Amino acid sequence: MTTNANRETIERWQDLFISEQKKAGVVFASRDFITLKPFGLNDVNEIAQNYKGLEDCYITLNAFHVAKQSKNYQRTYDKLRQLRVIGIDIDQYDQNMSPYEAIYELQNLIELGEIPMPNLICWSRGVQVFYGLSGGAAPKKFLKNKHEEITSGLIKKLKHLGADANAKDLARFFRMPYTINSRNNTEVKCEIFEHELYTLAELAAYLPVKKGENAEKTNDQNKLNQNSHKDKNTLTRKLIAKQVNEARVQDLESLLKMRNGNMTRMRHYFLYYYGYHLAINNYTENKIYEKMQNINNQMYTNDPKADRKTDKKLKNLASSIFKQAEYFIKHFSAANFDLHKIDDDKAIRPTNSDNIIERLQITDEEQKQLLTLQNTPENKKASNANKKRRYRHKKGESQKTAAEYNHERKLQTEDKRKQILDLKKHGFTNIEIGKKFDLSPVRVSQIINNRSK
């Protein structure tokens, strides 16, 4: 399970919490935050099997001391036995973002070297980001402080995504993978993004340099961290693309159910989008045909002129889709799974959300029930905010939230107004002031009178 004496790796989500190198104490699982069930090294398989598919199941990030033969379990700070995981809880829905949009934003931060590659990402209604500590860490005061410092630092970096600033307690619970979130009745899915676990020092290298620290050394460490993830970013993009395509297939199936199978005048488009996203997820040609045949049997049309989709037509469509997707995947892979770097116009990209929404006439109410097919005014606003946020990241302004950025702009405007008023007091005309600030005389007059544009 380890690549060397000092580096631990994971192959399953439960390896993050329990392993041969992390066996001091027990982690607790619970369904009500009160009744605690302890799990140690001998229970590593049981914890995954016993809770899968159940509603609202939780697991502690760290391990606790339990006295032999005692049933009086306590999940308290003073009972901590071993530090094992750093977790960040992201409520991206508060920012009008889907889980997949939040994961894309995480990818941008990883590529910029601002955060380390997570070991595990889970998502259902919200998103959970996990970093495992190789071999665990003793709950000494300075290590507890370092754990909390790293958690706070990551929360600050992910604040614009909706990171929960209150979720910092070392004894807290997180939702368990592959259980059901009753708030939106969805499974907590998860994906391992990085198999090698971290040390506290490696994670701390991503925090801002404190006054008095060796800035040069820390900056060099950050550069090493950024370069070490260069190849891993390709894997991240690949995994994210896989997740988004899986969600797109689920959205199309959900849409069909919402309409009770009615795809009048849009059946062909629906089948094409459905088949293409199956193909991108590496389904075989025969499997694509079988699933398209099954979905075709569930839909109907009220158009008397519509052609019946015979098995032969479906087979031909599945074959054509498979070849298109195969060609696209080849070039997508060559471009390190970055759509913007595909230079072959013959590589047919997946249809964007706006076009699918238009072709399938997906209403605002329907969009509210979908994950990847959304273009309501609220979501457009959030999308524009995300684009501006990415632009600020590229300019090195990643620590600013939208509110901070707008506040800074407001201060700059107020400063400009003070300068304009000062010039006016000294007898400058509106035309002269306008030339100095590249403004029209009318705009200068508006600023002097404190009117907005």
Protein backbone atom coordinates (compact mmCIF):
# COMPACT_ATOMS: atom_id res chain seq x y z
CA MET A 1 0.00 0.00 0.00
CA THR A 2 3.02 2.31 0.10
CA THR A 3 5.51 3.30 -2.59
CA ASN A 4 8.30 3.69 0.00
CA ALA A 5 8.75 3.75 3.76
CA ASN A 6 7.47 7.29 4.06
CA ARG A 7 4.77 7.61 1.41
CA GLU A 8 1.32 6.09 1.77
CA THR A 9 -1.05 5.60 -1.18
CA ILE A 10 -4.75 4.82 -1.49
CA GLU A 11 -6.72 2.66 -3.91
CA ARG A 12 -10.18 2.89 -2.26
CA TRP A 13 -11.90 5.78 -0.52
CA GLN A 14 -11.84 4.01 2.84
CA ASP A 15 -8.02 3.76 2.66
CA LEU A 16 -8.00 7.50 3.31
CA PHE A 17 -9.46 6.98 6.79
CA ILE A 18 -8.20 3.52 7.85
CA SER A 19 -4.98 1.76 6.82
CA GLU A 20 -1.99 -0.22 8.07
CA GLN A 21 -0.17 3.05 8.69
CA LYS A 22 -3.21 4.68 10.31
CA LYS A 23 -4.44 2.28 12.97
CA ALA A 24 -4.07 4.25 16.19
CA GLY A 25 -7.56 4.75 17.59
CA VAL A 26 -10.82 4.42 15.66
CA VAL A 27 -12.90 6.55 13.33
CA PHE A 28 -16.59 6.92 14.10
CA ALA A 29 -19.53 6.46 11.73
CA SER A 30 -22.99 7.77 12.52
CA ARG A 31 -26.40 8.40 11.01
CA ASP A 32 -27.68 10.88 13.60
CA PHE A 33 -24.48 12.52 15.00
CA ILE A 34 -25.29 10.97 18.38
CA THR A 35 -25.04 7.18 18.05
CA LEU A 36 -21.38 6.39 17.32
CA LYS A 37 -20.07 3.16 15.79
CA PRO A 38 -16.26 2.70 15.98
CA PHE A 39 -14.25 1.30 13.07
CA GLY A 40 -10.63 0.14 13.24
CA LEU A 41 -8.22 -1.56 10.88
CA ASN A 42 -10.11 -4.88 10.98
CA ASP A 43 -13.31 -3.12 9.92
CA VAL A 44 -11.99 -1.35 6.80
CA ASN A 45 -14.12 -3.41 4.40
CA GLU A 46 -17.15 -3.47 6.65
CA ILE A 47 -17.43 0.33 6.80
CA ALA A 48 -17.82 0.56 3.01
CA GLN A 49 -20.28 -2.35 2.76
CA ASN A 50 -22.52 -1.59 5.76
CA TYR A 51 -23.47 1.96 4.81
CA LYS A 52 -23.58 1.89 1.03
CA GLY A 53 -26.98 3.01 -0.25
CA LEU A 54 -28.23 4.16 3.17
CA GLU A 55 -29.48 7.70 3.81
CA ASP A 56 -27.41 10.33 5.59
CA CYS A 57 -24.35 8.45 6.86
CA TYR A 58 -21.29 10.26 8.20
CA ILE A 59 -17.67 9.50 9.07
CA THR A 60 -15.13 11.39 11.18
CA LEU A 61 -12.02 12.75 9.47
CA ASN A 62 -9.76 11.80 12.37
CA ALA A 63 -9.40 8.96 14.86
CA PHE A 64 -10.31 8.89 18.55
CA HIS A 65 -9.20 7.04 21.64
CA VAL A 66 -11.58 4.33 22.86
CA ALA A 67 -10.95 2.49 26.15
CA LYS A 68 -11.02 -1.31 25.95
CA GLN A 69 -14.41 -2.87 26.69
CA SER A 70 -15.93 0.62 26.95
CA LYS A 71 -19.17 1.50 25.18
CA ASN A 72 -19.01 5.11 26.27
CA TYR A 73 -17.74 6.56 23.01
CA GLN A 74 -16.81 10.23 22.91
CA ARG A 75 -16.17 12.31 19.79
CA THR A 76 -14.43 15.18 21.53
CA TYR A 77 -11.30 17.26 20.91
CA ASP A 78 -9.50 15.87 23.98
CA LYS A 79 -10.12 12.27 22.82
CA LEU A 80 -8.33 12.69 19.48
CA ARG A 81 -5.88 9.82 18.91
CA GLN A 82 -4.58 10.41 15.36
CA LEU A 83 -4.95 13.12 12.69
CA ARG A 84 -5.75 11.44 9.37
CA VAL A 85 -7.61 13.67 6.91
CA ILE A 86 -8.13 17.34 6.09
CA GLY A 87 -11.60 17.97 4.65
CA ILE A 88 -13.23 21.03 3.09
CA ASP A 89 -17.01 21.23 2.79
CA ILE A 90 -18.15 23.31 -0.21
CA ASP A 91 -21.74 24.57 -0.46
CA GLN A 92 -21.41 25.72 -4.07
CA TYR A 93 -25.20 25.87 -4.47
CA ASP A 94 -25.12 29.05 -2.37
CA GLN A 95 -23.14 30.56 -5.24
CA ASN A 96 -25.64 29.29 -7.86
CA MET A 97 -23.14 26.70 -9.06
CA SER A 98 -23.56 23.02 -9.82
CA PRO A 99 -21.14 20.48 -8.29
CA TYR A 100 -19.50 20.06 -11.69
CA GLU A 101 -18.92 23.81 -12.07
CA ALA A 102 -17.27 23.81 -8.64
CA ILE A 103 -15.02 20.91 -9.66
CA TYR A 104 -14.00 22.81 -12.79
CA GLU A 105 -13.10 25.78 -10.58
CA LEU A 106 -11.02 23.47 -8.40
CA GLN A 107 -9.18 22.35 -11.53
CA ASN A 108 -8.32 25.98 -12.34
CA LEU A 109 -6.89 26.49 -8.86
CA ILE A 110 -4.85 23.29 -9.12
CA GLU A 111 -3.38 24.36 -12.46
CA LEU A 112 -2.47 27.75 -11.00
CA GLY A 113 -0.66 25.97 -8.14
CA GLU A 114 -2.89 27.59 -5.53
CA ILE A 115 -4.18 24.37 -3.98
CA PRO A 116 -2.77 20.83 -3.98
CA MET A 117 -4.42 18.06 -5.93
CA PRO A 118 -7.12 16.54 -3.67
CA ASN A 119 -6.79 12.87 -2.86
CA LEU A 120 -10.56 12.43 -2.98
CA ILE A 121 -13.48 14.55 -4.17
CA CYS A 122 -17.07 13.65 -3.29
CA TRP A 123 -20.23 15.34 -4.52
CA SER A 124 -24.00 15.09 -4.24
CA ARG A 125 -25.82 18.29 -3.28
CA GLY A 126 -22.51 19.91 -2.34
CA VAL A 127 -18.84 19.05 -2.83
CA GLN A 128 -16.35 17.61 -0.33
CA VAL A 129 -12.59 17.85 -0.86
CA PHE A 130 -10.25 15.53 1.07
CA TYR A 131 -6.48 15.48 1.65
CA GLY A 132 -5.08 12.40 3.39
CA LEU A 133 -2.11 12.56 5.76
CA SER A 134 0.46 9.89 4.99
CA GLY A 135 0.82 7.69 8.06
CA GLY A 136 -1.37 10.02 10.08
CA ALA A 137 -0.09 12.51 12.65
CA ALA A 138 -0.02 12.49 16.44
CA PRO A 139 -2.55 14.88 18.01
CA LYS A 140 0.13 17.06 19.58
CA LYS A 141 -0.83 20.67 20.11
CA PHE A 142 1.43 22.12 17.40
CA LEU A 143 0.26 19.50 14.87
CA LYS A 144 -3.39 20.16 15.74
CA ASN A 145 -2.72 23.85 15.21
CA LYS A 146 -1.06 23.13 11.86
CA HIS A 147 -4.01 20.95 10.78
CA GLU A 148 -6.45 23.75 11.66
CA GLU A 149 -4.23 26.36 9.99
CA ILE A 150 -4.14 24.37 6.73
CA THR A 151 -7.90 23.81 6.84
CA SER A 152 -8.53 27.53 7.37
CA GLY A 153 -6.11 28.44 4.58
CA LEU A 154 -7.81 26.11 2.09
CA ILE A 155 -11.25 27.37 3.11
CA LYS A 156 -10.09 30.93 2.45
CA LYS A 157 -8.82 29.96 -1.01
CA LEU A 158 -12.13 28.23 -1.78
CA LYS A 159 -14.36 30.87 -0.20
CA HIS A 160 -15.64 32.05 -3.61
CA LEU A 161 -16.91 28.50 -4.27
CA GLY A 162 -18.92 28.42 -1.06
CA ALA A 163 -16.42 26.71 1.28
CA ASP A 164 -17.99 26.43 4.73
CA ALA A 165 -15.91 28.61 7.08
CA ASN A 166 -17.52 26.94 10.11
CA ALA A 167 -16.49 23.39 9.14
CA LYS A 168 -13.06 23.38 10.78
CA ASP A 169 -13.57 21.27 13.90
CA LEU A 170 -11.09 18.37 14.11
CA ALA A 171 -13.85 16.17 15.53
CA ARG A 172 -16.43 16.90 12.84
CA PHE A 173 -18.27 14.49 10.52
CA PHE A 174 -18.36 14.41 6.72
CA ARG A 175 -20.80 12.56 4.48
CA MET A 176 -19.73 9.04 3.65
CA PRO A 177 -19.14 8.13 -0.04
CA TYR A 178 -21.82 6.10 -1.84
CA THR A 179 -24.50 6.87 0.73
CA ILE A 180 -27.63 8.89 -0.05
CA ASN A 181 -28.03 12.60 0.66
CA SER A 182 -31.69 12.91 1.68
CA ARG A 183 -31.73 16.64 0.96
CA ASN A 184 -31.78 16.02 -2.79
CA ASN A 185 -32.07 12.21 -2.80
CA THR A 186 -28.78 11.69 -4.68
CA GLU A 187 -25.89 9.32 -4.11
CA VAL A 188 -22.67 10.78 -2.73
CA LYS A 189 -20.34 9.97 -5.62
CA CYS A 190 -16.59 10.11 -5.27
CA GLU A 191 -13.44 9.93 -7.35
CA ILE A 192 -9.82 9.45 -6.32
CA PHE A 193 -7.76 12.20 -7.97
CA GLU A 194 -4.41 11.66 -6.28
CA HIS A 195 -3.27 8.30 -4.92
CA GLU A 196 -0.23 9.51 -2.95
CA LEU A 197 -1.03 11.06 0.42
CA TYR A 198 0.55 14.22 1.82
CA THR A 199 2.48 15.38 4.85
CA LEU A 200 1.29 18.39 6.83
CA ALA A 201 4.41 20.26 5.67
CA GLU A 202 3.57 19.65 2.00
CA LEU A 203 0.03 20.95 2.44
CA ALA A 204 1.23 23.92 4.52
CA ALA A 205 3.49 24.97 1.60
CA TYR A 206 0.36 26.15 -0.23
CA LEU A 207 -0.51 28.67 2.48
CA PRO A 208 0.45 32.36 2.18
CA VAL A 209 3.87 33.20 3.63
CA LYS A 210 3.65 34.57 7.16
CA LYS A 211 5.62 37.57 8.30
CA GLY A 212 9.08 36.44 9.37
CA GLU A 213 9.02 33.20 7.37
CA ASN A 214 11.54 32.46 4.64
CA ALA A 215 9.56 33.73 1.62
CA GLU A 216 12.10 32.53 -0.92
CA LYS A 217 12.05 28.99 0.43
CA THR A 218 8.24 28.89 0.52
CA ASN A 219 7.92 30.28 -3.00
CA ASP A 220 10.36 27.66 -4.28
CA GLN A 221 8.26 24.97 -2.58
CA ASN A 222 5.10 26.32 -4.24
CA LYS A 223 6.81 26.18 -7.63
CA LEU A 224 7.80 22.58 -6.99
CA ASN A 225 4.23 21.75 -5.98
CA GLN A 226 2.86 23.41 -9.11
CA ASN A 227 5.31 21.58 -11.39
CA SER A 228 4.71 18.25 -9.65
CA HIS A 229 1.04 18.48 -10.63
CA LYS A 230 1.68 19.24 -14.29
CA ASP A 231 1.02 15.68 -15.44
CA LYS A 232 -1.67 15.11 -12.81
CA ASN A 233 -3.70 18.01 -14.19
CA THR A 234 -4.21 15.98 -17.35
CA LEU A 235 -5.67 13.17 -15.24
CA THR A 236 -7.89 15.67 -13.42
CA ARG A 237 -9.27 17.07 -16.68
CA LYS A 238 -9.91 13.54 -17.91
CA LEU A 239 -11.78 12.59 -14.73
CA ILE A 240 -13.82 15.79 -14.72
CA ALA A 241 -14.77 15.29 -18.37
CA LYS A 242 -15.88 11.75 -17.50
CA GLN A 243 -17.99 13.00 -14.58
CA VAL A 244 -19.63 15.75 -16.62
CA ASN A 245 -20.51 13.31 -19.42
CA GLU A 246 -21.97 10.84 -16.93
CA ALA A 247 -24.07 13.63 -15.45
CA ARG A 248 -25.19 14.71 -18.93
CA VAL A 249 -26.46 11.18 -19.65
CA GLN A 250 -28.33 11.21 -16.32
CA ASP A 251 -29.81 14.62 -17.13
CA LEU A 252 -31.15 13.39 -20.47
CA GLU A 253 -32.68 10.33 -18.83
CA SER A 254 -34.24 12.57 -16.16
CA LEU A 255 -35.63 14.90 -18.82
CA LEU A 256 -37.29 11.99 -20.60
CA LYS A 257 -38.94 10.89 -17.34
CA MET A 258 -40.14 14.43 -16.59
CA ARG A 259 -41.85 14.53 -19.98
CA ASN A 260 -43.23 11.01 -19.66
CA GLY A 261 -41.46 10.07 -22.89
CA ASN A 262 -42.85 12.88 -25.06
CA MET A 263 -40.10 14.00 -27.46
CA THR A 264 -42.25 15.39 -30.25
CA ARG A 265 -40.14 16.97 -33.03
CA MET A 266 -36.91 16.46 -31.10
CA ARG A 267 -36.51 12.70 -30.88
CA HIS A 268 -33.55 12.53 -33.28
CA TYR A 269 -31.66 15.27 -31.45
CA PHE A 270 -32.31 13.58 -28.13
CA LEU A 271 -31.04 10.21 -29.36
CA TYR A 272 -27.95 11.81 -30.88
CA TYR A 273 -27.00 13.72 -27.71
CA TYR A 274 -27.69 10.67 -25.58
CA GLY A 275 -25.64 8.34 -27.77
CA TYR A 276 -22.74 10.77 -28.16
CA HIS A 277 -22.27 11.22 -24.42
CA LEU A 278 -22.41 7.46 -23.94
CA ALA A 279 -19.71 7.08 -26.60
CA ILE A 280 -17.46 9.66 -24.93
CA ASN A 281 -17.73 7.61 -21.75
CA ASN A 282 -16.11 4.70 -23.62
CA TYR A 283 -19.22 2.62 -24.22
CA THR A 284 -18.81 0.08 -27.01
CA GLU A 285 -20.76 0.49 -30.23
CA ASN A 286 -23.05 -2.42 -29.34
CA LYS A 287 -23.68 -1.06 -25.85
CA ILE A 288 -24.51 2.37 -27.27
CA TYR A 289 -27.01 0.75 -29.65
CA GLU A 290 -28.61 -1.26 -26.82
CA LYS A 291 -29.05 1.78 -24.57
CA MET A 292 -30.33 3.92 -27.44
CA GLN A 293 -32.79 1.17 -28.34
CA ASN A 294 -33.99 1.05 -24.73
CA ILE A 295 -34.40 4.83 -24.52
CA ASN A 296 -36.13 4.92 -27.90
CA ASN A 297 -38.72 2.46 -26.61
CA GLN A 298 -39.50 4.85 -23.76
CA MET A 299 -40.23 7.88 -25.95
CA TYR A 300 -43.01 8.83 -28.34
CA THR A 301 -43.93 11.67 -30.69
CA ASN A 302 -47.23 13.35 -31.56
CA ASP A 303 -45.93 14.33 -34.97
CA PRO A 304 -47.80 12.22 -37.60
CA LYS A 305 -45.05 12.93 -40.15
CA ALA A 306 -42.24 11.65 -37.95
CA ASP A 307 -40.35 8.62 -39.25
CA ARG A 308 -40.33 5.55 -37.08
CA LYS A 309 -36.87 4.78 -35.66
CA THR A 310 -36.35 1.22 -36.85
CA ASP A 311 -33.64 -0.99 -35.38
CA LYS A 312 -31.63 -0.56 -38.59
CA LYS A 313 -31.79 3.24 -38.34
CA LEU A 314 -30.78 3.11 -34.70
CA LYS A 315 -27.85 0.82 -35.51
CA ASN A 316 -26.66 3.18 -38.23
CA LEU A 317 -27.01 6.16 -35.90
CA ALA A 318 -25.12 4.36 -33.12
CA SER A 319 -22.35 3.41 -35.55
CA SER A 320 -22.02 6.98 -36.83
CA ILE A 321 -21.98 8.38 -33.27
CA PHE A 322 -19.36 5.86 -32.18
CA LYS A 323 -17.01 6.81 -35.03
CA GLN A 324 -17.44 10.54 -34.38
CA ALA A 325 -16.78 10.10 -30.67
CA GLU A 326 -13.79 7.84 -31.30
CA TYR A 327 -12.22 10.51 -33.53
CA PHE A 328 -12.95 13.23 -30.99
CA ILE A 329 -11.52 11.23 -28.05
CA LYS A 330 -8.31 10.63 -30.01
CA HIS A 331 -7.76 14.38 -30.46
CA PHE A 332 -9.10 15.23 -26.99
CA SER A 333 -6.53 12.89 -25.47
CA ALA A 334 -3.74 14.34 -27.65
CA ALA A 335 -4.70 17.80 -26.35
CA ASN A 336 -4.28 16.60 -22.74
CA PHE A 337 -8.08 16.63 -22.33
CA ASP A 338 -8.27 20.38 -22.90
CA LEU A 339 -11.05 21.31 -25.36
CA HIS A 340 -9.42 24.63 -26.19
CA LYS A 341 -6.29 22.90 -27.50
CA ILE A 342 -8.00 20.65 -30.06
CA ASP A 343 -6.77 21.94 -33.44
CA ASP A 344 -8.70 19.60 -35.75
CA ASP A 345 -12.03 21.00 -36.94
CA LYS A 346 -13.15 17.49 -37.93
CA ALA A 347 -13.15 16.46 -34.27
CA ILE A 348 -16.81 17.03 -33.42
CA ARG A 349 -17.02 18.39 -29.89
CA PRO A 350 -19.94 17.61 -27.57
CA THR A 351 -22.84 20.00 -28.15
CA ASN A 352 -22.79 22.80 -25.58
CA SER A 353 -25.53 23.17 -22.99
CA ASP A 354 -27.20 26.21 -24.57
CA ASN A 355 -27.68 24.44 -27.91
CA ILE A 356 -29.05 21.30 -26.27
CA ILE A 357 -31.44 23.38 -24.19
CA GLU A 358 -32.62 25.19 -27.33
CA ARG A 359 -32.97 22.04 -29.46
CA LEU A 360 -34.81 20.11 -26.74
CA GLN A 361 -36.78 23.19 -25.61
CA ILE A 362 -35.87 22.61 -21.96
CA THR A 363 -37.89 24.97 -19.76
CA ASP A 364 -36.58 26.90 -16.74
CA GLU A 365 -38.58 24.62 -14.43
CA GLU A 366 -37.04 21.53 -16.04
CA GLN A 367 -33.56 23.02 -15.76
CA LYS A 368 -33.96 23.34 -12.01
CA GLN A 369 -34.10 19.52 -11.84
CA LEU A 370 -30.96 19.03 -13.95
CA LEU A 371 -27.26 19.28 -13.15
CA THR A 372 -25.54 20.12 -16.45
CA LEU A 373 -28.32 21.57 -18.61
CA GLN A 374 -28.93 25.00 -17.15
CA ASN A 375 -29.01 28.47 -18.69
CA THR A 376 -31.58 30.28 -16.52
CA PRO A 377 -30.83 33.95 -15.75
CA GLU A 378 -29.55 32.95 -12.30
CA ASN A 379 -27.16 30.40 -13.76
CA LYS A 380 -26.00 32.75 -16.50
CA LYS A 381 -25.19 35.28 -13.81
CA ALA A 382 -23.24 32.66 -11.89
CA SER A 383 -21.44 31.57 -15.07
CA ASN A 384 -20.39 35.14 -15.83
CA ALA A 385 -19.19 35.53 -12.25
CA ASN A 386 -17.10 32.37 -12.66
CA LYS A 387 -15.52 33.71 -15.85
CA LYS A 388 -14.60 36.97 -14.11
CA ARG A 389 -13.22 34.97 -11.19
CA ARG A 390 -11.01 32.91 -13.51
CA TYR A 391 -9.78 36.11 -15.15
CA ARG A 392 -8.82 37.51 -11.74
CA HIS A 393 -7.01 34.23 -10.94
CA LYS A 394 -4.90 34.58 -14.09
CA LYS A 395 -4.04 38.16 -13.12
CA GLY A 396 -2.83 36.95 -9.74
CA GLU A 397 -5.88 38.24 -7.89
CA SER A 398 -7.12 34.84 -6.77
CA GLN A 399 -7.47 35.78 -3.11
CA LYS A 400 -10.19 38.37 -3.88
CA THR A 401 -13.84 37.47 -3.73
CA ALA A 402 -16.27 39.21 -6.07
CA ALA A 403 -17.35 41.45 -3.17
CA GLU A 404 -13.74 42.40 -2.43
CA TYR A 405 -13.05 43.02 -6.10
CA ASN A 406 -16.13 45.28 -6.45
CA HIS A 407 -15.22 47.10 -3.25
CA GLU A 408 -11.75 47.81 -4.64
CA ARG A 409 -13.25 49.17 -7.85
CA LYS A 410 -15.58 51.38 -5.81
CA LEU A 411 -12.61 52.82 -3.91
CA GLN A 412 -10.82 53.52 -7.19
CA THR A 413 -13.93 55.34 -8.49
CA GLU A 414 -14.20 57.41 -5.32
CA ASP A 415 -10.52 58.32 -5.58
CA LYS A 416 -11.02 59.41 -9.19
CA ARG A 417 -14.01 61.56 -8.17
CA LYS A 418 -11.94 63.28 -5.48
CA GLN A 419 -9.27 64.11 -8.06
CA ILE A 420 -11.89 65.47 -10.47
CA LEU A 421 -13.49 67.64 -7.76
CA ASP A 422 -10.05 68.93 -6.78
CA LEU A 423 -9.29 69.94 -10.39
CA LYS A 424 -12.70 71.60 -10.67
CA LYS A 425 -11.97 73.68 -7.56
CA HIS A 426 -8.75 74.87 -9.20
CA GLY A 427 -10.64 76.20 -12.22
CA PHE A 428 -10.25 73.35 -14.75
CA THR A 429 -13.10 73.03 -17.25
CA ASN A 430 -15.04 69.80 -17.78
CA ILE A 431 -13.38 69.41 -21.21
CA GLU A 432 -9.89 69.73 -19.70
CA ILE A 433 -10.70 67.31 -16.90
CA GLY A 434 -12.22 64.87 -19.41
CA LYS A 435 -9.02 64.82 -21.47
CA LYS A 436 -6.98 64.03 -18.38
CA PHE A 437 -9.14 61.05 -17.39
CA ASP A 438 -10.25 60.01 -20.89
CA LEU A 439 -13.88 60.91 -20.11
CA SER A 440 -16.52 62.90 -21.97
CA PRO A 441 -17.46 66.34 -20.57
CA VAL A 442 -20.96 64.97 -19.88
CA ARG A 443 -19.54 62.09 -17.82
CA VAL A 444 -17.31 64.52 -15.91
CA SER A 445 -20.41 66.57 -15.10
CA GLN A 446 -22.22 63.42 -13.88
CA ILE A 447 -19.32 62.48 -11.59
CA ILE A 448 -19.12 65.99 -10.17
CA ASN A 449 -22.85 65.86 -9.42
CA ASN A 450 -22.42 62.35 -7.98
CA ARG A 451 -24.70 60.65 -10.49
CA SER A 452 -24.13 57.13 -11.76
CA LYS A 453 -23.69 56.40 -15.39
